[in-house]
Amino acid sequence: MSSMVEIRWHGRGGQGAKTASLLLAEAAFDSGKYVQGFPEYGPERMGAPITAYNRISDERCSLHSNIYEPDYVVVVDATLLDAVDVTGGLKKEGAIIINTTKSPEEVKPKLEGYEGRVITIDASSIAEKELGNRSLSNTSMLGAIVKISGVIPEEAFLKDVEKSLRHKFATKPHVIEKNMKALERGMKEVKSA
């Protein structure tokens, strides 16, 4: 199934990697794709490493397992580069997107010889500026993965996420606007090597 894109998210409990993967799945579904978005659960607690996954396809997908050879990896917390094999199985035709202040060239030595594209974004600074909390970088990372992967047309994606946020935060319209700004900045501020 060549039209399928697989994404693996690495974050820490409470940083929103699971929420971002589910928002991506919802937006892809709304744009007519077949989707899966799910976390991998274990003894998670706030701050513990977690993994979440997306499968997005133009055709029905009968796979129901974790993703071992992703096309893209999203690293919400750069401290995981020292704790988790984030590039494990990552296709060199794909890319890894990392939340860090460092350039792609500075991060490459930590990636155990990964030969594919390395993309960085300072999503924590975006989160601090737009949302008032550095640990809420998942929205910016969501924008970055959509920009880099092209898995959903950008205009449709923005419209679908805004619709989802309006439903989720109906009583907090200021939250919607702030998250949309963080999302758009995530799409604009990615740096590729």
N, C-alpha and C. Protein backbone atom coordinates (compact mmCIF):
# COMPACT_ATOMS: atom_id res chain seq x y z
N MET A 1 0.84 -1.17 0.00
CA MET A 1 0.00 0.00 0.00
C MET A 1 0.89 1.24 0.00
N SER A 2 1.26 1.70 -1.16
CA SER A 2 2.24 2.78 -1.28
C SER A 2 1.68 4.14 -0.88
N SER A 3 0.36 4.28 -0.82
CA SER A 3 -0.20 5.58 -0.46
C SER A 3 -0.25 5.80 1.06
N MET A 4 0.19 4.82 1.84
CA MET A 4 0.13 4.94 3.29
C MET A 4 1.36 5.67 3.84
N VAL A 5 1.12 6.58 4.77
CA VAL A 5 2.18 7.29 5.48
C VAL A 5 2.08 6.89 6.94
N GLU A 6 3.22 6.49 7.53
CA GLU A 6 3.25 6.10 8.93
C GLU A 6 4.12 7.07 9.71
N ILE A 7 3.59 7.53 10.84
CA ILE A 7 4.27 8.52 11.67
C ILE A 7 4.35 7.99 13.10
N ARG A 8 5.53 8.12 13.69
CA ARG A 8 5.70 7.75 15.10
C ARG A 8 6.05 9.01 15.88
N TRP A 9 5.38 9.21 17.00
CA TRP A 9 5.58 10.36 17.87
C TRP A 9 6.30 9.91 19.13
N HIS A 10 7.31 10.68 19.55
CA HIS A 10 7.99 10.43 20.83
C HIS A 10 7.84 11.70 21.67
N GLY A 11 7.39 11.51 22.89
CA GLY A 11 7.25 12.63 23.81
C GLY A 11 7.31 12.13 25.23
N ARG A 12 6.93 12.97 26.14
CA ARG A 12 6.84 12.60 27.55
C ARG A 12 5.39 12.80 27.98
N GLY A 13 4.95 11.99 28.94
CA GLY A 13 3.59 12.10 29.43
C GLY A 13 3.26 13.52 29.83
N GLY A 14 2.16 14.04 29.33
CA GLY A 14 1.74 15.40 29.64
C GLY A 14 2.13 16.44 28.62
N GLN A 15 2.93 16.06 27.60
CA GLN A 15 3.37 17.03 26.60
C GLN A 15 2.45 17.09 25.37
N GLY A 16 1.49 16.18 25.28
CA GLY A 16 0.51 16.25 24.22
C GLY A 16 0.83 15.50 22.94
N ALA A 17 1.80 14.59 22.95
CA ALA A 17 2.08 13.80 21.74
C ALA A 17 0.87 12.98 21.33
N LYS A 18 0.22 12.37 22.31
CA LYS A 18 -0.99 11.58 22.03
C LYS A 18 -2.08 12.48 21.45
N THR A 19 -2.30 13.63 22.06
CA THR A 19 -3.33 14.56 21.58
C THR A 19 -3.02 15.01 20.15
N ALA A 20 -1.77 15.32 19.87
CA ALA A 20 -1.39 15.75 18.52
C ALA A 20 -1.63 14.65 17.51
N SER A 21 -1.30 13.41 17.86
CA SER A 21 -1.52 12.30 16.91
C SER A 21 -3.01 12.11 16.65
N LEU A 22 -3.84 12.29 17.67
CA LEU A 22 -5.29 12.14 17.49
C LEU A 22 -5.87 13.30 16.68
N LEU A 23 -5.36 14.53 16.89
CA LEU A 23 -5.80 15.67 16.07
C LEU A 23 -5.42 15.47 14.61
N LEU A 24 -4.22 14.94 14.36
CA LEU A 24 -3.79 14.66 12.99
C LEU A 24 -4.70 13.61 12.36
N ALA A 25 -5.02 12.56 13.11
CA ALA A 25 -5.92 11.52 12.59
C ALA A 25 -7.28 12.10 12.24
N GLU A 26 -7.81 12.94 13.11
CA GLU A 26 -9.12 13.55 12.88
C GLU A 26 -9.11 14.45 11.65
N ALA A 27 -8.06 15.26 11.51
CA ALA A 27 -7.96 16.15 10.35
C ALA A 27 -7.81 15.36 9.05
N ALA A 28 -7.02 14.29 9.10
CA ALA A 28 -6.84 13.45 7.90
C ALA A 28 -8.15 12.76 7.53
N PHE A 29 -8.88 12.29 8.53
CA PHE A 29 -10.18 11.65 8.28
C PHE A 29 -11.14 12.66 7.64
N ASP A 30 -11.17 13.88 8.18
CA ASP A 30 -12.05 14.91 7.63
C ASP A 30 -11.69 15.27 6.20
N SER A 31 -10.43 15.03 5.81
CA SER A 31 -10.03 15.33 4.43
C SER A 31 -10.20 14.12 3.51
N GLY A 32 -10.85 13.05 4.00
CA GLY A 32 -11.18 11.91 3.17
C GLY A 32 -10.21 10.75 3.21
N LYS A 33 -9.29 10.77 4.16
CA LYS A 33 -8.30 9.69 4.27
C LYS A 33 -8.79 8.61 5.23
N TYR A 34 -8.21 7.43 5.08
CA TYR A 34 -8.37 6.38 6.09
C TYR A 34 -7.26 6.61 7.12
N VAL A 35 -7.60 6.50 8.39
CA VAL A 35 -6.64 6.87 9.42
C VAL A 35 -6.62 5.91 10.60
N GLN A 36 -5.50 5.94 11.28
CA GLN A 36 -5.35 5.36 12.61
C GLN A 36 -4.51 6.34 13.42
N GLY A 37 -4.91 6.56 14.64
CA GLY A 37 -4.15 7.40 15.55
C GLY A 37 -4.29 6.79 16.93
N PHE A 38 -3.17 6.37 17.50
CA PHE A 38 -3.26 5.66 18.78
C PHE A 38 -1.97 5.78 19.56
N PRO A 39 -2.08 5.76 20.88
CA PRO A 39 -0.88 5.78 21.74
C PRO A 39 -0.46 4.36 22.09
N GLU A 40 0.77 4.24 22.54
CA GLU A 40 1.24 2.97 23.10
C GLU A 40 1.29 3.18 24.61
N TYR A 41 0.50 2.43 25.31
CA TYR A 41 0.44 2.60 26.75
C TYR A 41 1.24 1.55 27.49
N GLY A 42 1.82 1.98 28.56
CA GLY A 42 2.52 1.13 29.51
C GLY A 42 2.31 1.79 30.85
N PRO A 43 3.29 1.77 31.70
CA PRO A 43 3.13 2.41 33.01
C PRO A 43 3.41 3.91 32.94
N GLU A 44 2.69 4.61 32.03
CA GLU A 44 2.95 6.04 31.83
C GLU A 44 2.61 6.86 33.06
N ARG A 45 3.36 7.88 33.23
CA ARG A 45 3.09 8.89 34.24
C ARG A 45 3.63 10.20 33.69
N MET A 46 3.24 11.26 34.32
CA MET A 46 3.69 12.58 33.87
C MET A 46 5.21 12.59 33.77
N GLY A 47 5.73 12.93 32.59
CA GLY A 47 7.17 13.02 32.39
C GLY A 47 7.83 11.76 31.86
N ALA A 48 7.14 10.62 31.88
CA ALA A 48 7.72 9.37 31.38
C ALA A 48 7.65 9.35 29.84
N PRO A 49 8.62 8.71 29.17
CA PRO A 49 8.57 8.61 27.71
C PRO A 49 7.30 7.89 27.24
N ILE A 50 6.66 8.44 26.22
CA ILE A 50 5.49 7.80 25.61
C ILE A 50 5.67 7.79 24.09
N THR A 51 4.90 6.94 23.44
CA THR A 51 4.92 6.84 21.99
C THR A 51 3.49 6.87 21.49
N ALA A 52 3.27 7.55 20.38
CA ALA A 52 1.96 7.57 19.72
C ALA A 52 2.19 7.37 18.23
N TYR A 53 1.16 6.98 17.52
CA TYR A 53 1.31 6.58 16.12
C TYR A 53 0.18 7.13 15.26
N ASN A 54 0.49 7.32 13.97
CA ASN A 54 -0.50 7.63 12.94
C ASN A 54 -0.23 6.78 11.70
N ARG A 55 -1.30 6.25 11.15
CA ARG A 55 -1.29 5.70 9.79
C ARG A 55 -2.32 6.50 9.02
N ILE A 56 -1.92 7.01 7.86
CA ILE A 56 -2.81 7.81 7.03
C ILE A 56 -2.69 7.28 5.61
N SER A 57 -3.84 6.95 5.00
CA SER A 57 -3.81 6.29 3.71
C SER A 57 -5.01 6.69 2.86
N ASP A 58 -4.85 6.53 1.54
CA ASP A 58 -5.96 6.73 0.62
C ASP A 58 -6.82 5.47 0.52
N GLU A 59 -6.31 4.36 1.04
CA GLU A 59 -7.01 3.07 0.99
C GLU A 59 -7.18 2.55 2.41
N ARG A 60 -8.18 1.68 2.56
CA ARG A 60 -8.42 1.06 3.87
C ARG A 60 -7.17 0.30 4.31
N CYS A 61 -6.82 0.42 5.58
CA CYS A 61 -5.62 -0.22 6.13
C CYS A 61 -6.03 -1.33 7.07
N SER A 62 -5.50 -2.51 6.85
CA SER A 62 -5.84 -3.65 7.70
C SER A 62 -4.77 -3.94 8.75
N LEU A 63 -3.70 -3.15 8.77
CA LEU A 63 -2.67 -3.31 9.79
C LEU A 63 -3.17 -2.75 11.12
N HIS A 64 -2.92 -3.50 12.19
CA HIS A 64 -3.31 -3.03 13.52
C HIS A 64 -2.20 -3.39 14.49
N SER A 65 -1.09 -2.67 14.35
CA SER A 65 0.06 -2.91 15.21
C SER A 65 0.78 -1.58 15.40
N ASN A 66 1.76 -1.58 16.30
CA ASN A 66 2.61 -0.41 16.43
C ASN A 66 3.34 -0.19 15.11
N ILE A 67 3.97 0.94 14.95
CA ILE A 67 4.68 1.26 13.72
C ILE A 67 6.17 1.08 13.98
N TYR A 68 6.76 0.14 13.27
CA TYR A 68 8.17 -0.19 13.48
C TYR A 68 9.09 0.39 12.42
N GLU A 69 8.55 0.75 11.25
CA GLU A 69 9.33 1.35 10.17
C GLU A 69 8.61 2.60 9.65
N PRO A 70 8.60 3.66 10.47
CA PRO A 70 7.85 4.86 10.09
C PRO A 70 8.49 5.63 8.94
N ASP A 71 7.65 6.38 8.27
CA ASP A 71 8.13 7.31 7.25
C ASP A 71 8.64 8.59 7.92
N TYR A 72 8.00 8.95 9.03
CA TYR A 72 8.37 10.17 9.76
C TYR A 72 8.36 9.89 11.25
N VAL A 73 9.25 10.57 11.95
CA VAL A 73 9.28 10.54 13.41
C VAL A 73 9.21 11.97 13.90
N VAL A 74 8.37 12.19 14.92
CA VAL A 74 8.24 13.51 15.55
C VAL A 74 8.73 13.37 16.99
N VAL A 75 9.72 14.17 17.36
CA VAL A 75 10.27 14.14 18.72
C VAL A 75 9.87 15.44 19.41
N VAL A 76 8.91 15.33 20.32
CA VAL A 76 8.36 16.49 21.01
C VAL A 76 9.33 17.00 22.08
N ASP A 77 10.17 16.12 22.61
CA ASP A 77 11.10 16.48 23.68
C ASP A 77 12.50 15.99 23.32
N ALA A 78 13.41 16.91 23.03
CA ALA A 78 14.76 16.55 22.58
C ALA A 78 15.57 15.76 23.61
N THR A 79 15.19 15.82 24.89
CA THR A 79 15.93 15.01 25.88
C THR A 79 15.76 13.52 25.61
N LEU A 80 14.76 13.16 24.83
CA LEU A 80 14.56 11.74 24.49
C LEU A 80 15.62 11.22 23.53
N LEU A 81 16.35 12.12 22.86
CA LEU A 81 17.41 11.68 21.95
C LEU A 81 18.47 10.88 22.70
N ASP A 82 18.65 11.16 23.98
CA ASP A 82 19.62 10.44 24.80
C ASP A 82 19.02 9.24 25.52
N ALA A 83 17.69 9.11 25.50
CA ALA A 83 17.03 8.07 26.30
C ALA A 83 16.32 7.00 25.48
N VAL A 84 15.95 7.32 24.24
CA VAL A 84 15.13 6.43 23.43
C VAL A 84 15.73 6.35 22.02
N ASP A 85 15.63 5.19 21.39
CA ASP A 85 16.10 5.03 20.00
C ASP A 85 15.04 5.61 19.06
N VAL A 86 15.03 6.92 18.92
CA VAL A 86 14.00 7.60 18.13
C VAL A 86 14.10 7.31 16.64
N THR A 87 15.28 6.94 16.16
CA THR A 87 15.43 6.66 14.72
C THR A 87 15.24 5.18 14.39
N GLY A 88 14.97 4.35 15.38
CA GLY A 88 14.80 2.92 15.13
C GLY A 88 13.78 2.65 14.03
N GLY A 89 14.21 2.02 12.94
CA GLY A 89 13.33 1.65 11.84
C GLY A 89 12.95 2.80 10.91
N LEU A 90 13.35 4.02 11.22
CA LEU A 90 12.95 5.18 10.42
C LEU A 90 13.54 5.08 9.01
N LYS A 91 12.67 5.16 8.02
CA LYS A 91 13.10 5.07 6.62
C LYS A 91 13.95 6.28 6.27
N LYS A 92 15.06 6.03 5.56
CA LYS A 92 15.93 7.16 5.23
C LYS A 92 15.30 8.07 4.17
N GLU A 93 14.26 7.61 3.49
CA GLU A 93 13.54 8.47 2.55
C GLU A 93 12.60 9.41 3.30
N GLY A 94 12.39 9.15 4.57
CA GLY A 94 11.49 9.97 5.39
C GLY A 94 12.23 11.11 6.04
N ALA A 95 11.82 11.41 7.28
CA ALA A 95 12.45 12.52 8.00
C ALA A 95 12.14 12.41 9.48
N ILE A 96 13.00 13.04 10.28
CA ILE A 96 12.77 13.17 11.71
C ILE A 96 12.64 14.66 12.01
N ILE A 97 11.64 15.01 12.79
CA ILE A 97 11.39 16.40 13.17
C ILE A 97 11.57 16.49 14.67
N ILE A 98 12.46 17.38 15.11
CA ILE A 98 12.83 17.46 16.52
C ILE A 98 12.58 18.85 17.07
N ASN A 99 11.97 18.91 18.24
CA ASN A 99 11.75 20.16 18.96
C ASN A 99 13.05 20.51 19.69
N THR A 100 13.77 21.48 19.15
CA THR A 100 15.04 21.88 19.75
C THR A 100 15.42 23.27 19.26
N THR A 101 16.28 23.93 20.01
CA THR A 101 16.81 25.23 19.57
C THR A 101 18.00 25.02 18.64
N LYS A 102 18.50 23.78 18.55
CA LYS A 102 19.69 23.49 17.74
C LYS A 102 19.33 23.34 16.26
N SER A 103 20.34 23.50 15.42
CA SER A 103 20.17 23.31 13.99
C SER A 103 20.15 21.82 13.67
N PRO A 104 19.65 21.44 12.49
CA PRO A 104 19.70 20.04 12.10
C PRO A 104 21.12 19.47 12.14
N GLU A 105 22.11 20.27 11.73
CA GLU A 105 23.50 19.81 11.72
C GLU A 105 24.01 19.51 13.13
N GLU A 106 23.58 20.32 14.10
CA GLU A 106 24.01 20.11 15.48
C GLU A 106 23.38 18.86 16.10
N VAL A 107 22.21 18.50 15.65
CA VAL A 107 21.48 17.36 16.21
C VAL A 107 21.90 16.03 15.59
N LYS A 108 22.32 16.05 14.33
CA LYS A 108 22.64 14.81 13.60
C LYS A 108 23.55 13.84 14.35
N PRO A 109 24.60 14.27 15.03
CA PRO A 109 25.46 13.31 15.73
C PRO A 109 24.74 12.47 16.79
N LYS A 110 23.62 12.94 17.30
CA LYS A 110 22.87 12.19 18.32
C LYS A 110 21.94 11.15 17.70
N LEU A 111 21.86 11.08 16.39
CA LEU A 111 20.86 10.25 15.72
C LEU A 111 21.39 8.90 15.23
N GLU A 112 22.44 8.42 15.83
CA GLU A 112 22.96 7.07 15.59
C GLU A 112 23.13 6.74 14.10
N GLY A 113 23.66 7.70 13.34
CA GLY A 113 23.96 7.44 11.94
C GLY A 113 22.78 7.57 10.99
N TYR A 114 21.66 8.08 11.43
CA TYR A 114 20.51 8.23 10.55
C TYR A 114 20.90 9.09 9.35
N GLU A 115 20.58 8.61 8.14
CA GLU A 115 21.02 9.27 6.91
C GLU A 115 19.94 10.09 6.22
N GLY A 116 18.73 10.08 6.75
CA GLY A 116 17.64 10.82 6.13
C GLY A 116 17.61 12.28 6.52
N ARG A 117 16.52 12.94 6.17
CA ARG A 117 16.37 14.37 6.47
C ARG A 117 16.17 14.59 7.97
N VAL A 118 16.84 15.60 8.47
CA VAL A 118 16.70 16.00 9.86
C VAL A 118 16.13 17.41 9.86
N ILE A 119 15.02 17.57 10.56
CA ILE A 119 14.33 18.85 10.61
C ILE A 119 14.21 19.28 12.06
N THR A 120 14.46 20.54 12.32
CA THR A 120 14.32 21.06 13.69
C THR A 120 13.37 22.24 13.71
N ILE A 121 12.81 22.45 14.88
CA ILE A 121 11.92 23.58 15.11
C ILE A 121 11.96 23.89 16.60
N ASP A 122 11.99 25.15 16.93
CA ASP A 122 11.96 25.54 18.34
C ASP A 122 10.51 25.67 18.78
N ALA A 123 9.84 24.54 18.87
CA ALA A 123 8.41 24.50 19.21
C ALA A 123 8.16 24.94 20.64
N SER A 124 9.11 24.74 21.52
CA SER A 124 8.93 25.17 22.92
C SER A 124 8.84 26.69 23.02
N SER A 125 9.67 27.40 22.26
CA SER A 125 9.60 28.87 22.26
C SER A 125 8.29 29.36 21.66
N ILE A 126 7.83 28.68 20.61
CA ILE A 126 6.55 29.04 20.01
C ILE A 126 5.44 28.85 21.05
N ALA A 127 5.48 27.71 21.75
CA ALA A 127 4.46 27.42 22.76
C ALA A 127 4.47 28.47 23.88
N GLU A 128 5.68 28.85 24.29
CA GLU A 128 5.78 29.86 25.35
C GLU A 128 5.20 31.19 24.89
N LYS A 129 5.52 31.60 23.67
CA LYS A 129 5.05 32.89 23.15
C LYS A 129 3.55 32.88 22.89
N GLU A 130 3.05 31.81 22.26
CA GLU A 130 1.65 31.79 21.83
C GLU A 130 0.70 31.25 22.90
N LEU A 131 1.17 30.28 23.71
CA LEU A 131 0.29 29.61 24.67
C LEU A 131 0.64 29.89 26.13
N GLY A 132 1.81 30.51 26.33
CA GLY A 132 2.21 30.83 27.69
C GLY A 132 2.78 29.65 28.47
N ASN A 133 3.13 28.56 27.77
CA ASN A 133 3.64 27.36 28.45
C ASN A 133 4.56 26.59 27.51
N ARG A 134 5.84 26.54 27.82
CA ARG A 134 6.84 25.86 26.97
C ARG A 134 6.54 24.38 26.76
N SER A 135 5.86 23.75 27.71
CA SER A 135 5.64 22.31 27.60
C SER A 135 4.48 21.96 26.68
N LEU A 136 3.78 22.94 26.13
CA LEU A 136 2.67 22.68 25.22
C LEU A 136 3.09 22.82 23.76
N SER A 137 4.20 22.22 23.42
CA SER A 137 4.77 22.35 22.07
C SER A 137 4.14 21.41 21.04
N ASN A 138 3.21 20.58 21.46
CA ASN A 138 2.61 19.61 20.54
C ASN A 138 1.90 20.26 19.36
N THR A 139 1.26 21.41 19.58
CA THR A 139 0.53 22.07 18.49
C THR A 139 1.49 22.52 17.39
N SER A 140 2.61 23.09 17.77
CA SER A 140 3.61 23.53 16.78
C SER A 140 4.20 22.32 16.06
N MET A 141 4.43 21.25 16.80
CA MET A 141 4.99 20.02 16.19
C MET A 141 3.99 19.42 15.20
N LEU A 142 2.71 19.51 15.51
CA LEU A 142 1.67 19.04 14.60
C LEU A 142 1.73 19.81 13.28
N GLY A 143 1.86 21.14 13.38
CA GLY A 143 1.99 21.94 12.16
C GLY A 143 3.23 21.57 11.37
N ALA A 144 4.33 21.31 12.07
CA ALA A 144 5.59 20.96 11.40
C ALA A 144 5.47 19.63 10.64
N ILE A 145 4.85 18.61 11.24
CA ILE A 145 4.76 17.31 10.56
C ILE A 145 3.86 17.41 9.33
N VAL A 146 2.80 18.19 9.40
CA VAL A 146 1.94 18.34 8.23
C VAL A 146 2.69 19.06 7.12
N LYS A 147 3.46 20.09 7.47
CA LYS A 147 4.24 20.84 6.47
C LYS A 147 5.28 19.93 5.81
N ILE A 148 6.01 19.16 6.61
CA ILE A 148 7.10 18.34 6.08
C ILE A 148 6.58 17.12 5.31
N SER A 149 5.56 16.48 5.84
CA SER A 149 5.07 15.24 5.21
C SER A 149 4.15 15.50 4.03
N GLY A 150 3.42 16.61 4.04
CA GLY A 150 2.45 16.88 2.98
C GLY A 150 1.30 15.89 2.97
N VAL A 151 1.07 15.24 4.10
CA VAL A 151 0.08 14.17 4.18
C VAL A 151 -1.35 14.67 4.03
N ILE A 152 -1.56 15.95 4.33
CA ILE A 152 -2.87 16.58 4.18
C ILE A 152 -2.62 17.96 3.57
N PRO A 153 -3.45 18.39 2.64
CA PRO A 153 -3.30 19.76 2.13
C PRO A 153 -3.39 20.77 3.28
N GLU A 154 -2.49 21.73 3.30
CA GLU A 154 -2.36 22.65 4.43
C GLU A 154 -3.63 23.42 4.74
N GLU A 155 -4.31 23.95 3.72
CA GLU A 155 -5.52 24.73 3.98
C GLU A 155 -6.60 23.87 4.62
N ALA A 156 -6.79 22.66 4.08
CA ALA A 156 -7.79 21.75 4.65
C ALA A 156 -7.43 21.38 6.07
N PHE A 157 -6.15 21.15 6.31
CA PHE A 157 -5.67 20.80 7.65
C PHE A 157 -5.99 21.90 8.65
N LEU A 158 -5.64 23.14 8.32
CA LEU A 158 -5.90 24.27 9.23
C LEU A 158 -7.39 24.40 9.52
N LYS A 159 -8.21 24.26 8.49
CA LYS A 159 -9.66 24.37 8.65
C LYS A 159 -10.18 23.25 9.56
N ASP A 160 -9.72 22.02 9.34
CA ASP A 160 -10.19 20.88 10.12
C ASP A 160 -9.75 20.95 11.58
N VAL A 161 -8.51 21.37 11.82
CA VAL A 161 -8.04 21.48 13.20
C VAL A 161 -8.79 22.60 13.92
N GLU A 162 -9.02 23.71 13.24
CA GLU A 162 -9.77 24.79 13.88
C GLU A 162 -11.18 24.31 14.25
N LYS A 163 -11.81 23.55 13.35
CA LYS A 163 -13.14 23.01 13.65
C LYS A 163 -13.10 22.10 14.87
N SER A 164 -12.09 21.26 14.94
CA SER A 164 -11.94 20.36 16.07
C SER A 164 -11.71 21.13 17.38
N LEU A 165 -10.86 22.14 17.32
CA LEU A 165 -10.59 22.95 18.52
C LEU A 165 -11.83 23.73 18.95
N ARG A 166 -12.61 24.21 17.98
CA ARG A 166 -13.84 24.94 18.32
C ARG A 166 -14.82 24.02 19.06
N HIS A 167 -14.85 22.77 18.67
CA HIS A 167 -15.71 21.81 19.35
C HIS A 167 -15.18 21.51 20.76
N LYS A 168 -13.87 21.27 20.84
CA LYS A 168 -13.25 20.88 22.11
C LYS A 168 -13.23 22.03 23.12
N PHE A 169 -12.99 23.25 22.64
CA PHE A 169 -12.86 24.41 23.52
C PHE A 169 -13.95 25.44 23.26
N ALA A 170 -15.17 24.99 23.11
CA ALA A 170 -16.29 25.88 22.79
C ALA A 170 -16.43 27.01 23.80
N THR A 171 -16.12 26.75 25.06
CA THR A 171 -16.28 27.78 26.10
C THR A 171 -15.00 28.60 26.32
N LYS A 172 -13.94 28.30 25.55
CA LYS A 172 -12.66 29.00 25.71
C LYS A 172 -12.13 29.45 24.35
N PRO A 173 -12.80 30.41 23.70
CA PRO A 173 -12.37 30.81 22.35
C PRO A 173 -10.94 31.34 22.29
N HIS A 174 -10.43 31.92 23.36
CA HIS A 174 -9.05 32.42 23.36
C HIS A 174 -8.04 31.27 23.19
N VAL A 175 -8.38 30.09 23.66
CA VAL A 175 -7.51 28.92 23.50
C VAL A 175 -7.41 28.51 22.03
N ILE A 176 -8.51 28.63 21.32
CA ILE A 176 -8.54 28.26 19.90
C ILE A 176 -7.59 29.15 19.11
N GLU A 177 -7.73 30.45 19.27
CA GLU A 177 -6.90 31.41 18.54
C GLU A 177 -5.41 31.20 18.83
N LYS A 178 -5.07 31.01 20.09
CA LYS A 178 -3.67 30.80 20.46
C LYS A 178 -3.11 29.53 19.85
N ASN A 179 -3.88 28.44 19.88
CA ASN A 179 -3.41 27.19 19.30
C ASN A 179 -3.28 27.28 17.79
N MET A 180 -4.17 28.00 17.15
CA MET A 180 -4.07 28.16 15.70
C MET A 180 -2.82 28.95 15.32
N LYS A 181 -2.47 29.96 16.12
CA LYS A 181 -1.24 30.71 15.87
C LYS A 181 -0.02 29.80 16.04
N ALA A 182 -0.02 28.98 17.09
CA ALA A 182 1.10 28.06 17.31
C ALA A 182 1.21 27.05 16.17
N LEU A 183 0.07 26.57 15.70
CA LEU A 183 0.03 25.61 14.60
C LEU A 183 0.61 26.22 13.32
N GLU A 184 0.16 27.42 13.00
CA GLU A 184 0.64 28.10 11.78
C GLU A 184 2.14 28.41 11.88
N ARG A 185 2.60 28.82 13.05
CA ARG A 185 4.04 29.09 13.21
C ARG A 185 4.83 27.80 13.06
N GLY A 186 4.30 26.69 13.56
CA GLY A 186 4.98 25.40 13.40
C GLY A 186 5.16 25.04 11.93
N MET A 187 4.18 25.39 11.12
CA MET A 187 4.27 25.10 9.68
C MET A 187 5.30 26.00 9.00
N LYS A 188 5.49 27.20 9.52
CA LYS A 188 6.39 28.17 8.88
C LYS A 188 7.84 28.10 9.35
N GLU A 189 8.05 27.64 10.59
CA GLU A 189 9.37 27.80 11.19
C GLU A 189 10.23 26.54 11.24
N VAL A 190 9.88 25.51 10.49
CA VAL A 190 10.70 24.31 10.46
C VAL A 190 12.00 24.58 9.69
N LYS A 191 13.09 23.94 10.15
CA LYS A 191 14.41 24.11 9.51
C LYS A 191 14.90 22.74 9.07
N SER A 192 15.22 22.61 7.80
CA SER A 192 15.65 21.33 7.26
C SER A 192 17.12 21.35 6.88
N ALA A 193 17.79 20.20 7.08
CA ALA A 193 19.20 20.09 6.69
C ALA A 193 19.28 19.56 5.28
